[in-house]
Amino acid sequence: MSATSNYADRNLIAVIGDEDSITGLLLAGIGHVNSNQKKNFLVVDNKTQTFAIEAAFNEFTERKDIAILLINQHIAERIRPTVEKYQNAFPTVLEIPSKDHPYDPSKDSILKRVQKMYGD
């Protein structure tokens, strides 16, 4: 089986984020519910348990139809060991800012890996 056929079915973007981020991305058209009623997004608020965020992260990174997983950086901080342990290329995990929490490059695990590769 060729490498391209392994990734040919990865055509979705998944999101774990706050309500504003999810709403904007859903309005942009990324929302999807499959035949098993599984969504490709999780809205996180103050009441969302950390284990629920981690479970969604694990589910999205194991799904074969997801190419990119976007996660608000402040939410990624809640499950930082899990995010840092994830090493696969697909789905690619990208940390994004939110309206109330600006992006902090010093916390981004992907950026840290790239800097380590280049010796910065």
N, C-alpha and C. Protein backbone atom coordinates (compact mmCIF):
# COMPACT_ATOMS: atom_id res chain seq x y z
N MET A 1 0.84 -1.17 0.00
CA MET A 1 0.00 0.00 0.00
C MET A 1 0.89 1.23 0.00
N SER A 2 0.62 2.17 -0.87
CA SER A 2 1.47 3.36 -0.96
C SER A 2 1.15 4.34 0.16
N ALA A 3 2.08 5.22 0.41
CA ALA A 3 1.92 6.21 1.49
C ALA A 3 0.75 7.14 1.22
N THR A 4 0.53 7.49 -0.05
CA THR A 4 -0.56 8.41 -0.35
C THR A 4 -1.92 7.77 -0.11
N SER A 5 -2.05 6.48 -0.32
CA SER A 5 -3.34 5.84 -0.08
C SER A 5 -3.66 5.78 1.41
N ASN A 6 -2.64 5.80 2.27
CA ASN A 6 -2.86 5.81 3.71
C ASN A 6 -3.50 7.11 4.17
N TYR A 7 -3.24 8.20 3.45
CA TYR A 7 -3.71 9.51 3.86
C TYR A 7 -4.81 10.06 2.97
N ALA A 8 -5.21 9.30 1.97
CA ALA A 8 -6.20 9.78 1.01
C ALA A 8 -7.55 10.07 1.66
N ASP A 9 -7.91 9.33 2.69
CA ASP A 9 -9.21 9.53 3.33
C ASP A 9 -9.20 10.60 4.41
N ARG A 10 -8.07 11.18 4.69
CA ARG A 10 -7.97 12.23 5.71
C ARG A 10 -8.39 13.55 5.08
N ASN A 11 -9.67 13.88 5.21
CA ASN A 11 -10.19 15.07 4.57
C ASN A 11 -10.93 16.01 5.52
N LEU A 12 -10.80 15.78 6.82
CA LEU A 12 -11.51 16.62 7.79
C LEU A 12 -10.54 17.37 8.69
N ILE A 13 -11.00 18.49 9.20
CA ILE A 13 -10.30 19.23 10.24
C ILE A 13 -11.12 19.05 11.51
N ALA A 14 -10.47 18.67 12.59
CA ALA A 14 -11.14 18.55 13.89
C ALA A 14 -10.71 19.72 14.75
N VAL A 15 -11.55 20.10 15.69
CA VAL A 15 -11.26 21.25 16.55
C VAL A 15 -11.66 20.95 17.98
N ILE A 16 -10.76 21.30 18.90
CA ILE A 16 -11.06 21.32 20.33
C ILE A 16 -10.84 22.76 20.75
N GLY A 17 -11.91 23.44 21.12
CA GLY A 17 -11.76 24.86 21.41
C GLY A 17 -12.89 25.45 22.20
N ASP A 18 -12.73 26.74 22.48
CA ASP A 18 -13.78 27.46 23.19
C ASP A 18 -14.93 27.76 22.23
N GLU A 19 -16.01 28.23 22.79
CA GLU A 19 -17.22 28.43 22.00
C GLU A 19 -17.03 29.38 20.83
N ASP A 20 -16.31 30.48 21.05
CA ASP A 20 -16.10 31.44 19.96
C ASP A 20 -15.28 30.84 18.82
N SER A 21 -14.23 30.10 19.15
CA SER A 21 -13.40 29.49 18.11
C SER A 21 -14.18 28.45 17.33
N ILE A 22 -14.91 27.61 18.04
CA ILE A 22 -15.70 26.56 17.39
C ILE A 22 -16.77 27.19 16.50
N THR A 23 -17.46 28.19 17.01
CA THR A 23 -18.52 28.83 16.24
C THR A 23 -17.97 29.40 14.94
N GLY A 24 -16.85 30.11 15.02
CA GLY A 24 -16.25 30.68 13.81
C GLY A 24 -15.86 29.62 12.80
N LEU A 25 -15.27 28.54 13.29
CA LEU A 25 -14.85 27.47 12.38
C LEU A 25 -16.04 26.71 11.82
N LEU A 26 -17.09 26.54 12.61
CA LEU A 26 -18.29 25.89 12.08
C LEU A 26 -18.94 26.76 11.01
N LEU A 27 -18.95 28.07 11.23
CA LEU A 27 -19.50 28.98 10.21
C LEU A 27 -18.65 28.95 8.94
N ALA A 28 -17.37 28.63 9.08
CA ALA A 28 -16.49 28.52 7.92
C ALA A 28 -16.70 27.19 7.19
N GLY A 29 -17.44 26.27 7.81
CA GLY A 29 -17.80 25.04 7.12
C GLY A 29 -17.04 23.79 7.51
N ILE A 30 -16.35 23.78 8.65
CA ILE A 30 -15.57 22.59 8.98
C ILE A 30 -16.38 21.53 9.72
N GLY A 31 -17.58 21.85 10.16
CA GLY A 31 -18.38 20.92 10.95
C GLY A 31 -18.78 19.68 10.17
N HIS A 32 -18.72 18.54 10.86
CA HIS A 32 -19.10 17.27 10.24
C HIS A 32 -19.59 16.31 11.32
N VAL A 33 -20.67 15.61 11.03
CA VAL A 33 -21.17 14.55 11.90
C VAL A 33 -21.27 13.31 11.02
N ASN A 34 -20.56 12.24 11.43
CA ASN A 34 -20.55 11.04 10.59
C ASN A 34 -21.79 10.17 10.86
N SER A 35 -21.85 9.03 10.22
CA SER A 35 -23.02 8.15 10.33
C SER A 35 -23.19 7.57 11.73
N ASN A 36 -22.12 7.58 12.53
CA ASN A 36 -22.21 7.11 13.93
C ASN A 36 -22.48 8.25 14.90
N GLN A 37 -22.85 9.41 14.35
CA GLN A 37 -23.15 10.61 15.14
C GLN A 37 -21.93 11.16 15.88
N LYS A 38 -20.73 10.87 15.37
CA LYS A 38 -19.49 11.40 15.93
C LYS A 38 -19.19 12.74 15.28
N LYS A 39 -18.99 13.76 16.11
CA LYS A 39 -18.66 15.10 15.62
C LYS A 39 -17.16 15.24 15.49
N ASN A 40 -16.74 16.21 14.71
CA ASN A 40 -15.32 16.49 14.56
C ASN A 40 -14.90 17.74 15.35
N PHE A 41 -15.65 18.04 16.40
CA PHE A 41 -15.33 19.19 17.24
C PHE A 41 -15.80 18.95 18.67
N LEU A 42 -15.14 19.65 19.59
CA LEU A 42 -15.53 19.62 21.00
C LEU A 42 -15.49 21.05 21.52
N VAL A 43 -16.62 21.52 22.03
CA VAL A 43 -16.68 22.84 22.65
C VAL A 43 -16.28 22.68 24.11
N VAL A 44 -15.26 23.45 24.53
CA VAL A 44 -14.74 23.38 25.89
C VAL A 44 -15.10 24.67 26.62
N ASP A 45 -15.64 24.50 27.83
CA ASP A 45 -15.88 25.67 28.69
C ASP A 45 -15.30 25.37 30.07
N ASN A 46 -15.60 26.22 31.03
CA ASN A 46 -15.04 26.05 32.38
C ASN A 46 -15.50 24.76 33.05
N LYS A 47 -16.64 24.24 32.65
CA LYS A 47 -17.19 23.04 33.27
C LYS A 47 -16.68 21.74 32.62
N THR A 48 -16.01 21.85 31.50
CA THR A 48 -15.53 20.66 30.79
C THR A 48 -14.40 20.02 31.59
N GLN A 49 -14.57 18.74 31.87
CA GLN A 49 -13.57 17.99 32.63
C GLN A 49 -12.33 17.76 31.76
N THR A 50 -11.17 17.76 32.40
CA THR A 50 -9.91 17.54 31.69
C THR A 50 -9.90 16.18 31.00
N PHE A 51 -10.46 15.17 31.65
CA PHE A 51 -10.48 13.84 31.03
C PHE A 51 -11.31 13.83 29.74
N ALA A 52 -12.33 14.68 29.66
CA ALA A 52 -13.15 14.75 28.44
C ALA A 52 -12.35 15.38 27.30
N ILE A 53 -11.53 16.37 27.62
CA ILE A 53 -10.67 17.00 26.61
C ILE A 53 -9.65 15.99 26.12
N GLU A 54 -9.05 15.29 27.05
CA GLU A 54 -8.04 14.28 26.69
C GLU A 54 -8.66 13.16 25.87
N ALA A 55 -9.85 12.74 26.22
CA ALA A 55 -10.54 11.68 25.47
C ALA A 55 -10.82 12.14 24.04
N ALA A 56 -11.27 13.39 23.88
CA ALA A 56 -11.53 13.92 22.53
C ALA A 56 -10.24 14.02 21.74
N PHE A 57 -9.17 14.48 22.37
CA PHE A 57 -7.87 14.56 21.71
C PHE A 57 -7.45 13.18 21.21
N ASN A 58 -7.54 12.19 22.07
CA ASN A 58 -7.16 10.82 21.69
C ASN A 58 -8.05 10.28 20.58
N GLU A 59 -9.34 10.55 20.66
CA GLU A 59 -10.26 10.08 19.61
C GLU A 59 -9.92 10.73 18.27
N PHE A 60 -9.73 12.04 18.28
CA PHE A 60 -9.46 12.74 17.02
C PHE A 60 -8.12 12.33 16.42
N THR A 61 -7.13 12.07 17.25
CA THR A 61 -5.82 11.68 16.72
C THR A 61 -5.78 10.24 16.24
N GLU A 62 -6.76 9.44 16.64
CA GLU A 62 -6.84 8.05 16.19
C GLU A 62 -7.74 7.87 14.96
N ARG A 63 -8.61 8.85 14.71
CA ARG A 63 -9.51 8.74 13.56
C ARG A 63 -8.75 8.83 12.25
N LYS A 64 -9.18 8.03 11.28
CA LYS A 64 -8.50 7.96 9.99
C LYS A 64 -9.03 8.96 8.97
N ASP A 65 -10.06 9.74 9.34
CA ASP A 65 -10.61 10.72 8.42
C ASP A 65 -10.19 12.14 8.75
N ILE A 66 -9.39 12.32 9.78
CA ILE A 66 -8.97 13.66 10.20
C ILE A 66 -7.53 13.91 9.78
N ALA A 67 -7.32 15.04 9.10
CA ALA A 67 -5.98 15.42 8.63
C ALA A 67 -5.32 16.41 9.58
N ILE A 68 -6.12 17.31 10.16
CA ILE A 68 -5.58 18.36 11.03
C ILE A 68 -6.46 18.46 12.27
N LEU A 69 -5.81 18.58 13.42
CA LEU A 69 -6.52 18.82 14.68
C LEU A 69 -6.09 20.18 15.20
N LEU A 70 -7.03 21.11 15.25
CA LEU A 70 -6.78 22.43 15.82
C LEU A 70 -7.21 22.41 17.27
N ILE A 71 -6.38 22.97 18.14
CA ILE A 71 -6.73 23.04 19.55
C ILE A 71 -6.30 24.40 20.08
N ASN A 72 -7.20 25.06 20.80
CA ASN A 72 -6.83 26.33 21.43
C ASN A 72 -5.67 26.09 22.37
N GLN A 73 -4.70 26.98 22.34
CA GLN A 73 -3.49 26.78 23.13
C GLN A 73 -3.78 26.71 24.62
N HIS A 74 -4.71 27.52 25.10
CA HIS A 74 -5.00 27.48 26.54
C HIS A 74 -5.68 26.18 26.95
N ILE A 75 -6.34 25.53 26.02
CA ILE A 75 -6.94 24.21 26.29
C ILE A 75 -5.86 23.13 26.20
N ALA A 76 -4.95 23.28 25.25
CA ALA A 76 -3.83 22.34 25.14
C ALA A 76 -2.99 22.33 26.42
N GLU A 77 -2.92 23.46 27.10
CA GLU A 77 -2.18 23.54 28.37
C GLU A 77 -2.77 22.60 29.41
N ARG A 78 -4.07 22.39 29.35
CA ARG A 78 -4.72 21.51 30.33
C ARG A 78 -4.35 20.05 30.13
N ILE A 79 -3.96 19.70 28.90
CA ILE A 79 -3.57 18.31 28.61
C ILE A 79 -2.16 18.29 28.01
N ARG A 80 -1.31 19.19 28.45
CA ARG A 80 0.02 19.35 27.85
C ARG A 80 0.82 18.04 27.75
N PRO A 81 0.86 17.19 28.79
CA PRO A 81 1.63 15.93 28.63
C PRO A 81 1.13 15.06 27.48
N THR A 82 -0.16 15.02 27.27
CA THR A 82 -0.74 14.23 26.18
C THR A 82 -0.38 14.84 24.83
N VAL A 83 -0.46 16.16 24.74
CA VAL A 83 -0.13 16.84 23.48
C VAL A 83 1.35 16.64 23.15
N GLU A 84 2.21 16.76 24.13
CA GLU A 84 3.64 16.62 23.88
C GLU A 84 4.03 15.18 23.56
N LYS A 85 3.28 14.24 24.09
CA LYS A 85 3.56 12.82 23.82
C LYS A 85 3.17 12.44 22.39
N TYR A 86 2.23 13.14 21.81
CA TYR A 86 1.77 12.84 20.45
C TYR A 86 2.86 13.20 19.45
N GLN A 87 3.29 12.25 18.63
CA GLN A 87 4.41 12.46 17.71
C GLN A 87 4.08 12.20 16.24
N ASN A 88 2.88 11.74 15.93
CA ASN A 88 2.55 11.37 14.55
C ASN A 88 2.40 12.59 13.65
N ALA A 89 2.64 12.37 12.37
CA ALA A 89 2.49 13.45 11.39
C ALA A 89 1.02 13.71 11.05
N PHE A 90 0.22 12.63 11.06
CA PHE A 90 -1.21 12.77 10.74
C PHE A 90 -2.04 12.13 11.80
N PRO A 91 -3.07 12.79 12.26
CA PRO A 91 -3.38 14.17 11.95
C PRO A 91 -2.37 15.12 12.61
N THR A 92 -2.11 16.20 11.92
CA THR A 92 -1.22 17.23 12.42
C THR A 92 -1.95 18.02 13.50
N VAL A 93 -1.29 18.24 14.62
CA VAL A 93 -1.88 19.00 15.73
C VAL A 93 -1.32 20.41 15.70
N LEU A 94 -2.21 21.39 15.62
CA LEU A 94 -1.81 22.79 15.61
C LEU A 94 -2.50 23.53 16.75
N GLU A 95 -1.70 24.25 17.52
CA GLU A 95 -2.25 25.05 18.61
C GLU A 95 -2.56 26.44 18.07
N ILE A 96 -3.77 26.91 18.37
CA ILE A 96 -4.23 28.20 17.86
C ILE A 96 -4.63 29.11 19.02
N PRO A 97 -4.59 30.41 18.81
CA PRO A 97 -5.01 31.34 19.85
C PRO A 97 -6.53 31.39 19.93
N SER A 98 -7.03 32.01 20.97
CA SER A 98 -8.46 32.29 21.07
C SER A 98 -8.63 33.78 21.33
N LYS A 99 -9.85 34.21 21.32
CA LYS A 99 -10.15 35.63 21.51
C LYS A 99 -9.59 36.15 22.83
N ASP A 100 -9.72 35.37 23.89
CA ASP A 100 -9.31 35.81 25.22
C ASP A 100 -7.92 35.36 25.63
N HIS A 101 -7.30 34.49 24.85
CA HIS A 101 -5.98 33.95 25.19
C HIS A 101 -5.07 34.05 23.97
N PRO A 102 -4.17 35.03 23.95
CA PRO A 102 -3.28 35.18 22.79
C PRO A 102 -2.30 34.01 22.67
N TYR A 103 -1.76 33.85 21.48
CA TYR A 103 -0.80 32.79 21.20
C TYR A 103 0.51 33.08 21.92
N ASP A 104 1.07 32.05 22.58
CA ASP A 104 2.36 32.16 23.25
C ASP A 104 3.30 31.13 22.64
N PRO A 105 4.24 31.54 21.81
CA PRO A 105 5.11 30.58 21.13
C PRO A 105 5.94 29.73 22.09
N SER A 106 6.20 30.22 23.29
CA SER A 106 7.01 29.45 24.24
C SER A 106 6.27 28.22 24.76
N LYS A 107 4.96 28.17 24.58
CA LYS A 107 4.18 27.02 25.05
C LYS A 107 3.84 26.03 23.94
N ASP A 108 4.08 26.39 22.69
CA ASP A 108 3.69 25.56 21.55
C ASP A 108 4.63 24.37 21.40
N SER A 109 4.11 23.16 21.58
CA SER A 109 4.93 21.95 21.53
C SER A 109 5.49 21.69 20.14
N ILE A 110 4.76 22.02 19.08
CA ILE A 110 5.25 21.81 17.72
C ILE A 110 6.42 22.76 17.45
N LEU A 111 6.28 24.02 17.83
CA LEU A 111 7.34 24.99 17.63
C LEU A 111 8.60 24.59 18.40
N LYS A 112 8.41 24.07 19.61
CA LYS A 112 9.55 23.61 20.41
C LYS A 112 10.29 22.47 19.69
N ARG A 113 9.54 21.54 19.09
CA ARG A 113 10.15 20.43 18.36
C ARG A 113 10.94 20.93 17.15
N VAL A 114 10.36 21.89 16.43
CA VAL A 114 11.04 22.44 15.25
C VAL A 114 12.32 23.15 15.67
N GLN A 115 12.23 23.94 16.73
CA GLN A 115 13.42 24.65 17.21
C GLN A 115 14.50 23.67 17.67
N LYS A 116 14.09 22.58 18.29
CA LYS A 116 15.04 21.56 18.75
C LYS A 116 15.72 20.90 17.54
N MET A 117 14.94 20.64 16.48
CA MET A 117 15.50 20.04 15.27
C MET A 117 16.58 20.92 14.65
N TYR A 118 16.34 22.22 14.66
CA TYR A 118 17.27 23.17 14.04
C TYR A 118 18.29 23.72 15.02
N GLY A 119 18.26 23.23 16.24
CA GLY A 119 19.27 23.63 17.22
C GLY A 119 19.12 25.03 17.76
N ASP A 120 17.93 25.60 17.67
CA ASP A 120 17.70 26.96 18.21
C ASP A 120 17.40 26.92 19.68
